[in-house]
Amino acid sequence: MLAVNCMPDHIHLFVGFRPTILISDFVKEIKVESNDFVNKKDWIRGKFNWQEGYGVFSYSHSHIDAVVKYVLNQETHHQRTTFKQEYLRMLDKSEIPYEERYLFDFIE
């Protein structure tokens, strides 16, 4: 784990991976374990669940410091930019095609 920051409507995890680890398995385990943890603690009214899907972006080793700073600066960053604006900008910058109907249910 290189950096983690939780916002009210999303979470940023910055991790290093070995090629033998499947990202989908990692995300599934994070979601299952955190669902169980939050629900056992009764931190929210009702049942906590993550929505389907996730976004993954890769960065080179030379970008570690910049990405850690980015992740840790989310509160300030999201005062200027919504999660939806940020996510769409990252998809566009990475030239990842997408259809609006397959995106997250963003809180606006």
Protein backbone atom coordinates (compact mmCIF):
# COMPACT_ATOMS: atom_id res chain seq x y z
CA MET A 1 0.00 0.00 0.00
CA LEU A 2 1.52 3.30 -1.09
CA ALA A 3 -1.37 5.66 -0.30
CA VAL A 4 -5.05 5.54 0.60
CA ASN A 5 -7.64 8.28 0.97
CA CYS A 6 -11.38 7.93 1.51
CA MET A 7 -13.88 10.49 0.29
CA PRO A 8 -17.63 10.34 1.01
CA ASP A 9 -18.40 8.89 -2.43
CA HIS A 10 -15.22 7.07 -3.45
CA ILE A 11 -11.84 5.80 -2.32
CA HIS A 12 -8.38 6.11 -3.83
CA LEU A 13 -5.96 3.23 -3.27
CA PHE A 14 -2.45 3.44 -4.66
CA VAL A 15 -0.74 0.06 -4.45
CA GLY A 16 2.18 -1.74 -5.98
CA PHE A 17 1.40 -5.06 -7.64
CA ARG A 18 3.35 -8.13 -8.54
CA PRO A 19 2.41 -9.56 -11.95
CA THR A 20 1.03 -12.68 -10.24
CA ILE A 21 -1.75 -10.74 -8.47
CA LEU A 22 -5.02 -10.24 -10.32
CA ILE A 23 -6.38 -6.74 -9.83
CA SER A 24 -9.95 -8.05 -9.99
CA ASP A 25 -9.24 -10.47 -7.10
CA PHE A 26 -7.65 -7.66 -5.07
CA VAL A 27 -10.62 -5.32 -5.58
CA LYS A 28 -13.09 -8.10 -4.78
CA GLU A 29 -11.33 -8.87 -1.51
CA ILE A 30 -11.16 -5.18 -0.54
CA LYS A 31 -14.89 -4.77 -1.22
CA VAL A 32 -15.98 -7.98 0.56
CA GLU A 33 -13.81 -7.42 3.64
CA SER A 34 -14.68 -3.72 3.98
CA ASN A 35 -18.42 -4.44 3.52
CA ASP A 36 -18.24 -6.96 6.36
CA PHE A 37 -16.18 -4.62 8.55
CA VAL A 38 -18.43 -1.57 8.10
CA ASN A 39 -21.61 -3.58 8.58
CA LYS A 40 -20.31 -5.31 11.74
CA LYS A 41 -19.32 -1.93 13.21
CA ASP A 42 -22.80 -0.46 12.47
CA TRP A 43 -21.17 2.78 11.30
CA ILE A 44 -24.07 3.61 9.01
CA ARG A 45 -27.83 3.27 9.15
CA GLY A 46 -28.89 0.37 6.98
CA LYS A 47 -26.56 -1.96 5.12
CA PHE A 48 -23.35 -0.74 3.51
CA ASN A 49 -22.51 -1.99 0.01
CA TRP A 50 -20.09 -0.86 -2.65
CA GLN A 51 -21.62 -0.29 -6.04
CA GLU A 52 -20.55 -2.53 -8.91
CA GLY A 53 -17.40 -1.79 -10.83
CA TYR A 54 -14.14 0.00 -10.19
CA GLY A 55 -11.59 2.07 -12.06
CA VAL A 56 -7.92 1.17 -12.31
CA PHE A 57 -5.12 3.27 -13.72
CA SER A 58 -1.47 2.27 -13.85
CA TYR A 59 1.54 4.50 -13.32
CA SER A 60 5.24 3.98 -13.74
CA HIS A 61 7.65 3.77 -10.84
CA SER A 62 8.89 7.28 -11.65
CA HIS A 63 5.43 8.72 -10.88
CA ILE A 64 5.11 7.27 -7.35
CA ASP A 65 5.78 10.52 -5.47
CA ALA A 66 3.37 12.55 -7.61
CA VAL A 67 0.57 9.98 -7.34
CA VAL A 68 1.00 9.64 -3.57
CA LYS A 69 0.68 13.43 -3.23
CA TYR A 70 -2.37 13.38 -5.50
CA VAL A 71 -4.10 10.67 -3.45
CA LEU A 72 -3.33 12.32 -0.12
CA ASN A 73 -4.57 15.72 -1.39
CA GLN A 74 -8.11 14.58 -2.30
CA GLU A 75 -10.00 16.83 0.12
CA THR A 76 -8.46 19.95 -1.42
CA HIS A 77 -8.67 18.55 -4.95
CA HIS A 78 -12.40 17.83 -4.66
CA GLN A 79 -13.17 21.35 -3.52
CA ARG A 80 -12.45 22.33 -7.13
CA THR A 81 -13.31 19.20 -9.09
CA THR A 82 -16.08 16.63 -8.55
CA PHE A 83 -15.37 12.92 -8.59
CA LYS A 84 -17.27 12.61 -11.87
CA GLN A 85 -15.24 15.41 -13.50
CA GLU A 86 -12.02 13.86 -12.23
CA TYR A 87 -12.90 10.34 -13.37
CA LEU A 88 -14.00 11.42 -16.87
CA ARG A 89 -10.84 13.53 -17.22
CA MET A 90 -8.69 10.52 -16.28
CA LEU A 91 -10.49 8.32 -18.80
CA ASP A 92 -10.05 10.95 -21.52
CA LYS A 93 -6.39 11.58 -20.65
CA SER A 94 -5.70 7.84 -20.78
CA GLU A 95 -7.66 7.60 -24.05
CA ILE A 96 -10.00 5.00 -22.56
CA PRO A 97 -13.30 4.83 -24.47
CA TYR A 98 -16.44 4.67 -22.34
CA GLU A 99 -20.20 4.85 -22.51
CA GLU A 100 -22.04 6.98 -19.94
CA ARG A 101 -24.47 4.14 -19.15
CA TYR A 102 -21.57 1.98 -17.85
CA LEU A 103 -20.12 4.61 -15.53
CA PHE A 104 -20.59 4.81 -11.77
CA ASP A 105 -23.70 6.24 -10.18
CA PHE A 106 -22.05 9.55 -9.32
CA ILE A 107 -23.32 11.70 -6.46
CA GLU A 108 -23.74 15.24 -7.75
